[in-house]
Amino acid sequence: MGELYAQGVLGISTRDRILSVAPLYSAYGLCNSLIFPMVAGAMAVLKSGRRTIKDLIRYLTGVAPAKVVGARPTVLFGVPAAFSALLADAECPQASDVSLRLCVSAGDALSASLQRRFEQRLGVQVLNGFQCHRDAAHLPVQHAAGKRERHGGQAGAGFSHAAGG
């Protein structure tokens, strides 16, 4: 799964620094913060305790605590509620303030309007995935290289999907 999704779909590599809003003890956080970086040789940006939107802003803009090396992530894994809260914060960064090349949303469906607003504000593509938190698996509904407006995407190599169930 790490090779198929993290490297094959998302293009995560040794040049990436990954930040996940999900805690490491959740399936979504475990994949994003441990499995994917380990498989791809990327760096995971970790923080003990609960992350707040202010923490997220500090990490995205490189104002995180000095003990964090390379805190400006290139890939952000989040959920729609976190993306919405980030946009609503008065200190929400702009594209020129961050080093992001890709964001992935999962857990709940990401609305087209939220996706569009986030992409405009931060200047980075958001891939819309779902059902990652329970099953320890991303269903790759969108490919980083083949995004189309209002299109759920298709299963990546090595994956299949079916409606229902």
C-alpha atoms as a PDB file:
ATOM      1  CA  MET A   1       0.000   0.000   0.000  1.00  0.00           C
ATOM      2  CA  GLY A   2       2.800   2.434   0.820  1.00  0.00           C
ATOM      3  CA  GLU A   3       4.472   1.940  -2.528  1.00  0.00           C
ATOM      4  CA  LEU A   4       1.220   1.871  -4.490  1.00  0.00           C
ATOM      5  CA  TYR A   5      -0.400   4.901  -2.902  1.00  0.00           C
ATOM      6  CA  ALA A   6       2.305   7.019  -1.248  1.00  0.00           C
ATOM      7  CA  GLN A   7       4.809   6.721  -4.061  1.00  0.00           C
ATOM      8  CA  GLY A   8       2.666   5.662  -7.023  1.00  0.00           C
ATOM      9  CA  VAL A   9      -0.314   7.993  -6.585  1.00  0.00           C
ATOM     10  CA  LEU A  10       0.991  10.832  -4.418  1.00  0.00           C
ATOM     11  CA  GLY A  11       4.592  10.818  -5.621  1.00  0.00           C
ATOM     12  CA  ILE A  12       6.018  11.024  -2.098  1.00  0.00           C
ATOM     13  CA  SER A  13       9.808  10.862  -2.138  1.00  0.00           C
ATOM     14  CA  THR A  14      12.885  11.544  -0.030  1.00  0.00           C
ATOM     15  CA  ARG A  15      12.442  15.271  -0.756  1.00  0.00           C
ATOM     16  CA  ASP A  16       9.114  15.421   1.101  1.00  0.00           C
ATOM     17  CA  ARG A  17       8.266  16.465   4.641  1.00  0.00           C
ATOM     18  CA  ILE A  18       4.879  15.090   5.684  1.00  0.00           C
ATOM     19  CA  LEU A  19       2.482  16.579   8.204  1.00  0.00           C
ATOM     20  CA  SER A  20      -0.773  14.882   9.200  1.00  0.00           C
ATOM     21  CA  VAL A  21      -3.500  16.461  11.303  1.00  0.00           C
ATOM     22  CA  ALA A  22      -4.516  12.985  12.466  1.00  0.00           C
ATOM     23  CA  PRO A  23      -2.823  11.590  15.590  1.00  0.00           C
ATOM     24  CA  LEU A  24      -0.326   8.779  15.164  1.00  0.00           C
ATOM     25  CA  TYR A  25      -2.538   6.368  17.130  1.00  0.00           C
ATOM     26  CA  SER A  26      -5.305   6.581  14.489  1.00  0.00           C
ATOM     27  CA  ALA A  27      -5.166   4.463  11.343  1.00  0.00           C
ATOM     28  CA  TYR A  28      -5.136   7.582   9.138  1.00  0.00           C
ATOM     29  CA  GLY A  29      -2.329   9.166  11.157  1.00  0.00           C
ATOM     30  CA  LEU A  30      -0.355   5.915  11.299  1.00  0.00           C
ATOM     31  CA  CYS A  31      -0.366   5.596   7.508  1.00  0.00           C
ATOM     32  CA  ASN A  32       0.405   9.265   6.892  1.00  0.00           C
ATOM     33  CA  SER A  33       2.991   9.832   9.607  1.00  0.00           C
ATOM     34  CA  LEU A  34       4.763   6.481   9.760  1.00  0.00           C
ATOM     35  CA  ILE A  35       4.086   4.037   6.935  1.00  0.00           C
ATOM     36  CA  PHE A  36       4.131   6.437   3.966  1.00  0.00           C
ATOM     37  CA  PRO A  37       7.269   8.361   5.033  1.00  0.00           C
ATOM     38  CA  MET A  38       9.071   5.142   5.946  1.00  0.00           C
ATOM     39  CA  VAL A  39       8.325   3.501   2.599  1.00  0.00           C
ATOM     40  CA  ALA A  40       9.233   6.605   0.574  1.00  0.00           C
ATOM     41  CA  GLY A  41      12.180   7.744   2.705  1.00  0.00           C
ATOM     42  CA  ALA A  42      10.377  11.004   3.462  1.00  0.00           C
ATOM     43  CA  MET A  43      10.454  12.972   6.698  1.00  0.00           C
ATOM     44  CA  ALA A  44       7.471  12.983   9.053  1.00  0.00           C
ATOM     45  CA  VAL A  45       6.807  16.135  11.058  1.00  0.00           C
ATOM     46  CA  LEU A  46       5.490  14.933  14.409  1.00  0.00           C
ATOM     47  CA  LYS A  47       4.194  16.765  17.464  1.00  0.00           C
ATOM     48  CA  SER A  48       3.318  15.249  20.797  1.00  0.00           C
ATOM     49  CA  GLY A  49      -0.116  16.019  22.141  1.00  0.00           C
ATOM     50  CA  ARG A  50      -3.118  17.480  20.390  1.00  0.00           C
ATOM     51  CA  ARG A  51      -2.556  19.670  17.342  1.00  0.00           C
ATOM     52  CA  THR A  52      -4.465  22.923  17.122  1.00  0.00           C
ATOM     53  CA  ILE A  53      -5.103  25.101  14.071  1.00  0.00           C
ATOM     54  CA  LYS A  54      -2.517  27.562  15.461  1.00  0.00           C
ATOM     55  CA  ASP A  55       0.004  24.671  15.596  1.00  0.00           C
ATOM     56  CA  LEU A  56      -0.851  23.786  12.013  1.00  0.00           C
ATOM     57  CA  ILE A  57      -0.268  27.378  10.905  1.00  0.00           C
ATOM     58  CA  ARG A  58       3.097  27.482  12.723  1.00  0.00           C
ATOM     59  CA  TYR A  59       4.235  24.259  11.047  1.00  0.00           C
ATOM     60  CA  LEU A  60       3.035  25.318   7.590  1.00  0.00           C
ATOM     61  CA  THR A  61       4.834  28.668   7.814  1.00  0.00           C
ATOM     62  CA  GLY A  62       8.021  27.369   9.457  1.00  0.00           C
ATOM     63  CA  VAL A  63       7.447  29.122  12.796  1.00  0.00           C
ATOM     64  CA  ALA A  64       7.225  25.809  14.675  1.00  0.00           C
ATOM     65  CA  PRO A  65       9.445  25.212  17.715  1.00  0.00           C
ATOM     66  CA  ALA A  66      13.186  25.271  17.016  1.00  0.00           C
ATOM     67  CA  LYS A  67      13.561  21.617  18.031  1.00  0.00           C
ATOM     68  CA  VAL A  68      11.642  20.657  14.885  1.00  0.00           C
ATOM     69  CA  VAL A  69      13.993  20.330  11.939  1.00  0.00           C
ATOM     70  CA  GLY A  70      12.481  20.926   8.518  1.00  0.00           C
ATOM     71  CA  ALA A  71       9.094  21.820   9.913  1.00  0.00           C
ATOM     72  CA  ARG A  72       7.746  23.303   6.677  1.00  0.00           C
ATOM     73  CA  PRO A  73       5.850  20.358   5.211  1.00  0.00           C
ATOM     74  CA  THR A  74       5.559  19.664   1.506  1.00  0.00           C
ATOM     75  CA  VAL A  75       2.617  17.256   1.892  1.00  0.00           C
ATOM     76  CA  LEU A  76      -0.308  17.854   4.255  1.00  0.00           C
ATOM     77  CA  PHE A  77      -2.779  15.118   5.176  1.00  0.00           C
ATOM     78  CA  GLY A  78      -5.964  16.534   6.666  1.00  0.00           C
ATOM     79  CA  VAL A  79      -9.713  16.268   6.993  1.00  0.00           C
ATOM     80  CA  PRO A  80     -12.375  18.684   5.721  1.00  0.00           C
ATOM     81  CA  ALA A  81     -13.000  20.095   9.204  1.00  0.00           C
ATOM     82  CA  ALA A  82      -9.303  21.001   9.596  1.00  0.00           C
ATOM     83  CA  PHE A  83      -9.142  22.596   6.141  1.00  0.00           C
ATOM     84  CA  SER A  84     -12.267  24.614   6.927  1.00  0.00           C
ATOM     85  CA  ALA A  85     -10.942  25.733  10.325  1.00  0.00           C
ATOM     86  CA  LEU A  86      -7.611  26.700   8.772  1.00  0.00           C
ATOM     87  CA  LEU A  87      -9.335  28.873   6.160  1.00  0.00           C
ATOM     88  CA  ALA A  88     -11.504  30.487   8.851  1.00  0.00           C
ATOM     89  CA  ASP A  89      -8.509  31.492  10.974  1.00  0.00           C
ATOM     90  CA  ALA A  90      -7.375  35.100  10.586  1.00  0.00           C
ATOM     91  CA  GLU A  91      -3.748  33.896  10.394  1.00  0.00           C
ATOM     92  CA  CYS A  92      -4.354  31.404   7.584  1.00  0.00           C
ATOM     93  CA  PRO A  93      -1.242  31.512   5.388  1.00  0.00           C
ATOM     94  CA  GLN A  94      -1.196  32.248   1.688  1.00  0.00           C
ATOM     95  CA  ALA A  95       0.564  30.267  -1.038  1.00  0.00           C
ATOM     96  CA  SER A  96       3.739  32.356  -0.722  1.00  0.00           C
ATOM     97  CA  ASP A  97       3.993  31.487   2.999  1.00  0.00           C
ATOM     98  CA  VAL A  98       4.077  27.685   2.651  1.00  0.00           C
ATOM     99  CA  SER A  99       6.147  24.965   0.985  1.00  0.00           C
ATOM    100  CA  LEU A 100       3.245  22.639   0.213  1.00  0.00           C
ATOM    101  CA  ARG A 101       3.149  20.788  -3.092  1.00  0.00           C
ATOM    102  CA  LEU A 102       0.160  18.575  -2.262  1.00  0.00           C
ATOM    103  CA  CYS A 103      -2.667  18.147   0.253  1.00  0.00           C
ATOM    104  CA  VAL A 104      -4.808  15.070   0.806  1.00  0.00           C
ATOM    105  CA  SER A 105      -8.224  15.188   2.443  1.00  0.00           C
ATOM    106  CA  ALA A 106      -9.871  12.089   3.866  1.00  0.00           C
ATOM    107  CA  GLY A 107     -12.286  10.830   6.501  1.00  0.00           C
ATOM    108  CA  ASP A 108     -15.283  12.705   5.119  1.00  0.00           C
ATOM    109  CA  ALA A 109     -16.096  13.885   1.627  1.00  0.00           C
ATOM    110  CA  LEU A 110     -14.495  17.229   0.793  1.00  0.00           C
ATOM    111  CA  SER A 111     -17.004  19.620  -0.774  1.00  0.00           C
ATOM    112  CA  ALA A 112     -16.091  21.131  -4.131  1.00  0.00           C
ATOM    113  CA  SER A 113     -16.440  24.662  -2.727  1.00  0.00           C
ATOM    114  CA  LEU A 114     -14.124  23.989   0.238  1.00  0.00           C
ATOM    115  CA  GLN A 115     -11.629  22.279  -2.042  1.00  0.00           C
ATOM    116  CA  ARG A 116     -11.663  25.231  -4.456  1.00  0.00           C
ATOM    117  CA  ARG A 117     -11.276  27.841  -1.658  1.00  0.00           C
ATOM    118  CA  PHE A 118      -8.404  25.919  -0.064  1.00  0.00           C
ATOM    119  CA  GLU A 119      -6.609  25.468  -3.374  1.00  0.00           C
ATOM    120  CA  GLN A 120      -6.996  29.167  -4.206  1.00  0.00           C
ATOM    121  CA  ARG A 121      -5.771  30.354  -0.791  1.00  0.00           C
ATOM    122  CA  LEU A 122      -2.809  27.996  -0.418  1.00  0.00           C
ATOM    123  CA  GLY A 123      -2.043  27.494  -4.104  1.00  0.00           C
ATOM    124  CA  VAL A 124      -1.857  23.724  -3.820  1.00  0.00           C
ATOM    125  CA  GLN A 125      -3.918  20.832  -5.141  1.00  0.00           C
ATOM    126  CA  VAL A 126      -6.093  18.962  -2.647  1.00  0.00           C
ATOM    127  CA  LEU A 127      -6.789  15.339  -3.467  1.00  0.00           C
ATOM    128  CA  ASN A 128     -10.143  14.163  -2.207  1.00  0.00           C
ATOM    129  CA  GLY A 129     -10.035  10.726  -0.585  1.00  0.00           C
ATOM    130  CA  PHE A 130     -12.301   9.113   1.989  1.00  0.00           C
ATOM    131  CA  GLN A 131     -12.697   6.276   4.516  1.00  0.00           C
ATOM    132  CA  CYS A 132      -9.068   6.347   5.580  1.00  0.00           C
ATOM    133  CA  HIS A 133      -9.625   6.699   9.289  1.00  0.00           C
ATOM    134  CA  ARG A 134     -11.344   3.364   9.955  1.00  0.00           C
ATOM    135  CA  ASP A 135      -9.779   0.981   7.527  1.00  0.00           C
ATOM    136  CA  ALA A 136      -6.112   2.019   7.688  1.00  0.00           C
ATOM    137  CA  ALA A 137      -6.317   2.412   3.949  1.00  0.00           C
ATOM    138  CA  HIS A 138      -6.711   5.247   1.528  1.00  0.00           C
ATOM    139  CA  LEU A 139      -9.091   4.624  -1.300  1.00  0.00           C
ATOM    140  CA  PRO A 140      -7.271   6.524  -4.018  1.00  0.00           C
ATOM    141  CA  VAL A 141     -10.141   8.384  -5.598  1.00  0.00           C
ATOM    142  CA  GLN A 142      -7.966  10.987  -7.237  1.00  0.00           C
ATOM    143  CA  HIS A 143      -4.519  10.844  -8.777  1.00  0.00           C
ATOM    144  CA  ALA A 144      -2.140  13.753  -8.256  1.00  0.00           C
ATOM    145  CA  ALA A 145      -1.319  13.952 -11.964  1.00  0.00           C
ATOM    146  CA  GLY A 146      -4.841  13.558 -13.305  1.00  0.00           C
ATOM    147  CA  LYS A 147      -7.201  15.825 -11.393  1.00  0.00           C
ATOM    148  CA  ARG A 148     -10.406  16.911 -13.066  1.00  0.00           C
ATOM    149  CA  GLU A 149     -12.914  19.357 -11.589  1.00  0.00           C
ATOM    150  CA  ARG A 150     -15.766  17.634  -9.703  1.00  0.00           C
ATOM    151  CA  HIS A 151     -14.468  14.194 -10.605  1.00  0.00           C
ATOM    152  CA  GLY A 152     -13.985  11.539  -7.971  1.00  0.00           C
ATOM    153  CA  GLY A 153     -11.135   9.981  -9.891  1.00  0.00           C
ATOM    154  CA  GLN A 154     -10.364   6.339 -10.361  1.00  0.00           C
ATOM    155  CA  ALA A 155      -8.642   3.569  -8.479  1.00  0.00           C
ATOM    156  CA  GLY A 156      -4.867   3.551  -8.823  1.00  0.00           C
ATOM    157  CA  ALA A 157      -2.710   0.652  -9.945  1.00  0.00           C
ATOM    158  CA  GLY A 158      -3.145  -2.307  -7.616  1.00  0.00           C
ATOM    159  CA  PHE A 159      -6.442  -1.017  -6.195  1.00  0.00           C
ATOM    160  CA  SER A 160     -10.047  -1.595  -7.102  1.00  0.00           C
ATOM    161  CA  HIS A 161     -13.254  -0.031  -5.842  1.00  0.00           C
ATOM    162  CA  ALA A 162     -16.927  -0.794  -5.924  1.00  0.00           C
ATOM    163  CA  ALA A 163     -19.980   1.291  -5.126  1.00  0.00           C
ATOM    164  CA  GLY A 164     -21.913   0.460  -1.987  1.00  0.00           C
ATOM    165  CA  GLY A 165     -20.953  -1.692   0.976  1.00  0.00           C
END
